[in-house]
Protein backbone atom coordinates (compact mmCIF):
# COMPACT_ATOMS: atom_id res chain seq x y z
CA MET A 1 119.77 86.11 53.33
CA ASN A 2 123.55 86.11 53.26
CA PRO A 3 124.63 89.67 54.11
CA HIS A 4 127.17 89.61 51.27
CA GLN A 5 124.72 88.60 48.55
CA PRO A 6 123.47 92.12 47.64
CA ILE A 7 127.04 93.45 47.62
CA LEU A 8 128.25 90.64 45.39
CA LEU A 9 125.32 90.99 43.00
CA LYS A 10 125.95 94.74 42.79
CA SER A 11 129.60 94.03 41.94
CA LEU A 12 128.49 91.72 39.15
CA SER A 13 126.07 94.32 37.81
CA ILE A 14 128.90 96.86 37.71
CA ILE A 15 131.19 94.43 35.88
CA LYS A 16 128.56 92.97 33.52
CA PRO A 17 128.50 95.70 30.83
CA ASN A 18 132.21 95.22 30.26
CA PHE A 19 132.68 91.62 31.35
CA HIS A 20 134.85 90.80 28.35
CA ALA A 21 137.34 93.45 29.48
CA PHE A 22 137.19 91.95 32.95
CA THR A 23 137.93 88.44 31.65
CA ALA A 24 140.72 89.77 29.39
CA ARG A 25 142.33 91.36 32.44
CA PHE A 26 141.83 88.15 34.42
CA HIS A 27 143.41 86.13 31.59
CA ASN A 28 146.43 88.47 31.50
CA LYS A 29 146.92 88.07 35.24
CA LEU A 30 146.82 84.30 34.90
CA ALA A 31 149.26 84.43 31.97
CA GLU A 32 151.68 86.44 34.14
CA SER A 33 151.29 84.10 37.11
CA ASN A 34 153.04 80.86 37.97
CA ILE A 35 149.94 78.82 37.19
CA ILE A 36 150.78 75.23 36.31
CA MET A 37 147.57 74.06 34.63
CA GLU A 38 147.25 74.08 30.87
CA PRO A 39 146.35 77.67 29.98
CA LEU A 40 143.62 78.80 27.64
CA SER A 41 144.48 81.13 24.80
CA ALA A 42 143.08 84.66 25.04
CA ALA A 43 140.47 83.74 22.41
CA GLN A 44 139.44 80.58 24.31
CA PHE A 45 139.27 82.53 27.55
CA ASN A 46 137.11 85.17 25.87
CA GLU A 47 134.82 82.40 24.59
CA LYS A 48 134.32 81.19 28.16
CA SER A 49 133.62 84.72 29.42
CA TYR A 50 129.83 84.44 29.37
CA THR A 51 129.96 81.01 31.02
CA LEU A 52 132.13 82.41 33.80
CA TYR A 53 129.68 85.26 34.35
CA CYS A 54 126.72 82.86 34.50
CA ILE A 55 128.53 80.58 36.94
CA LEU A 56 129.37 83.51 39.22
CA GLU A 57 125.84 84.85 39.07
CA ARG A 58 124.25 81.50 39.85
CA ILE A 59 126.60 80.82 42.76
CA ILE A 60 125.96 84.25 44.26
CA LYS A 61 122.19 84.07 43.77
CA ASN A 62 122.18 80.72 45.58
CA ILE A 63 124.84 81.49 48.17
CA ASP A 64 122.32 80.86 50.97
CA ASN A 65 121.79 77.31 49.77
CA PRO A 66 125.19 75.59 49.57
CA SER A 67 123.55 72.23 48.89
CA SER A 68 122.23 73.58 45.58
CA VAL A 69 125.48 75.35 44.70
CA ALA A 70 127.75 72.39 45.46
CA PRO A 71 126.66 70.04 42.62
CA PHE A 72 126.63 72.93 40.15
CA LEU A 73 130.11 74.07 41.17
CA ALA A 74 131.43 70.49 41.24
CA HIS A 75 130.20 70.03 37.68
CA HIS A 76 132.00 73.17 36.48
CA LEU A 77 135.19 72.29 38.35
CA GLN A 78 135.58 69.42 35.90
CA PHE A 79 136.70 72.03 33.37
CA LEU A 80 139.76 72.68 35.55
CA THR A 81 140.43 68.95 35.75
CA LYS A 82 140.51 68.80 31.96
CA ARG A 83 143.12 71.58 32.02
CA ASN A 84 145.30 69.48 34.38
CA VAL A 85 144.83 71.81 37.33
CA HIS A 86 147.25 71.44 40.23
CA GLN A 87 146.40 72.14 43.86
CA ALA A 88 148.62 75.27 43.87
CA ASP A 89 146.64 76.63 40.92
CA ILE A 90 143.48 77.08 42.99
CA LYS A 91 145.05 79.79 45.15
CA ILE A 92 146.54 81.44 42.05
CA LEU A 93 143.12 81.49 40.35
CA CYS A 94 141.54 83.07 43.44
CA ASP A 95 144.30 85.64 43.86
CA ALA A 96 144.20 86.61 40.19
CA PHE A 97 140.42 86.92 40.27
CA TYR A 98 140.52 89.10 43.40
CA SER A 99 143.24 91.29 41.91
CA THR A 100 141.19 91.65 38.73
CA LEU A 101 138.15 92.70 40.76
CA GLU A 102 140.27 95.22 42.64
CA GLU A 103 141.53 96.81 39.44
CA HIS A 104 138.27 96.61 37.54
CA LEU A 105 136.10 98.06 40.31
CA GLY A 106 138.69 100.63 41.36
CA ARG A 107 137.41 103.02 44.03
CA LEU A 108 134.14 101.04 44.17
CA PHE A 109 136.07 98.10 45.61
CA ASN A 110 135.51 99.25 49.17
CA LYS A 111 136.16 97.27 52.36
CA GLU A 112 132.65 95.79 52.33
CA ARG A 113 133.06 94.47 48.77
CA GLN A 114 136.57 93.25 49.51
CA ASN A 115 135.35 91.21 52.49
CA ALA A 116 132.38 89.83 50.57
CA TRP A 117 134.57 88.64 47.68
CA LEU A 118 137.22 87.28 50.03
CA ASP A 119 134.55 85.12 51.69
CA VAL A 120 133.29 83.82 48.33
CA LEU A 121 136.80 83.12 47.08
CA LYS A 122 137.69 81.34 50.33
CA PHE A 123 134.58 79.19 49.88
CA PHE A 124 135.60 78.45 46.28
CA GLU A 125 139.19 77.65 47.28
CA ASN A 126 138.13 75.29 50.07
CA PHE A 127 135.44 73.63 47.95
CA ALA A 128 137.74 73.19 44.93
CA ASN A 129 140.57 71.81 47.04
CA ASN A 130 138.18 69.36 48.66
CA LYS A 131 136.48 68.22 45.45
CA LEU A 132 139.52 68.12 43.20
CA PHE A 133 142.29 67.12 45.60
CA ASN A 134 140.47 65.69 48.64
CA ILE A 135 142.07 68.37 50.81
CA SER A 136 139.98 69.76 53.63
CA ASN A 137 140.47 72.72 55.93
CA VAL A 138 138.30 71.00 58.54
CA ILE A 139 140.07 69.30 61.41
CA SER A 140 138.64 66.95 63.97
CA PHE A 141 137.98 68.04 67.52
CA GLU A 142 140.71 65.67 68.68
CA GLN A 143 143.26 67.29 66.33
CA ARG A 144 142.28 70.73 67.62
CA VAL A 145 142.66 69.65 71.26
CA ASN A 146 146.09 68.19 70.47
CA GLN A 147 147.15 71.39 68.70
CA LYS A 148 146.11 73.47 71.70
CA ARG A 149 147.89 71.12 74.07
CA LEU A 150 151.08 71.31 72.01
CA GLY A 151 150.81 75.08 71.66
CA ASP A 152 150.47 75.01 67.85
CA VAL A 153 147.55 77.42 67.86
C-alpha cells in the first residue's frame, strides 16, 4: 500500500462534508490566477464539484495501481482539452489546488499531508503534461550522463 494513501483519504474525508466550499475556494483561486484556459463560471464549477471529488477519490483509492488510474485520468483530462488548456495552466491548477487544501485544512494540513498531496499533484502534473502536451520529465540515460559530464546537474 502506498504510504500516502491513508493520509490522502483522510484529507478527503475531512473535506467531503463541505466540498462545495472547497471547490468555491478553488474556483476563486483560479479566477485570481493567470490561467490561460477558458474558465468555468462559478455555477459551472460548482456543478462539477461532485465529479471532481469522485475523480480524486478514485485516483487516491487506486494510487497503488497506476495502470488502472492512467486511462481513467486520461479520459477526464479531455475536459481540460475542451477548455483549451495550455501547458502553463497545469502548474497553475496544481498550485491553486494545493493552496486551497492548505487553507481549507488549516492546522490539519501538517507536513505529512503536505508531502502526500505534493506527491499526488506532481504525479498529476507530470501525467497531464505528458498526455496533453507530450512533455515528459523522464530523460534518457545518455542525456543524464551528458548533463553530468557538462556539469549541468
